[in-house]
Amino acid sequence: MGKRTNLKSQEEINARYERCFECLDEVRRKFLEIEGVIGVGIGPKEKGGQLLEDQPVIVVYVTEKKDKKLLKSDELIPTDVMGVPTDVVVPGKRRLPYHYEHDFAWVDWAKVHA
């Protein structure tokens, strides 16, 4: 189950989710052009194996996480896009079974099998 950090009111959380949905299509088009990105969706941030339910973010799904030093500048996922934080995740690798199916719902399977 997710964890709340008690940093935001429910109204602020809802507003952040709305903002995520407003920019999702544009962000998805942009990030799916990056090699290794296989999906883009919306969900709570994960930190230290905990879901932070009060911190909705744009979740960027990748085939593998790489050291930032090994990436070209155009391959880096920014920590914030269009005013919304991002979280980079390898689907199926999280310790949170609840999000296993949720993660795969956002994956672009054509990118996986390309």
Foldseek 3Di string as FASTA:
>chain_A
DADEPPPDDPVVLVVLVVQCVVCVVVVQVLLVVAPFFFFKDKAAADDPLHGHRSQIAIETEGCDDDDPVPDDPSNDDDQADPRGGYHYYHAPPGPDVVCNVVVVVGGNVVSVVD
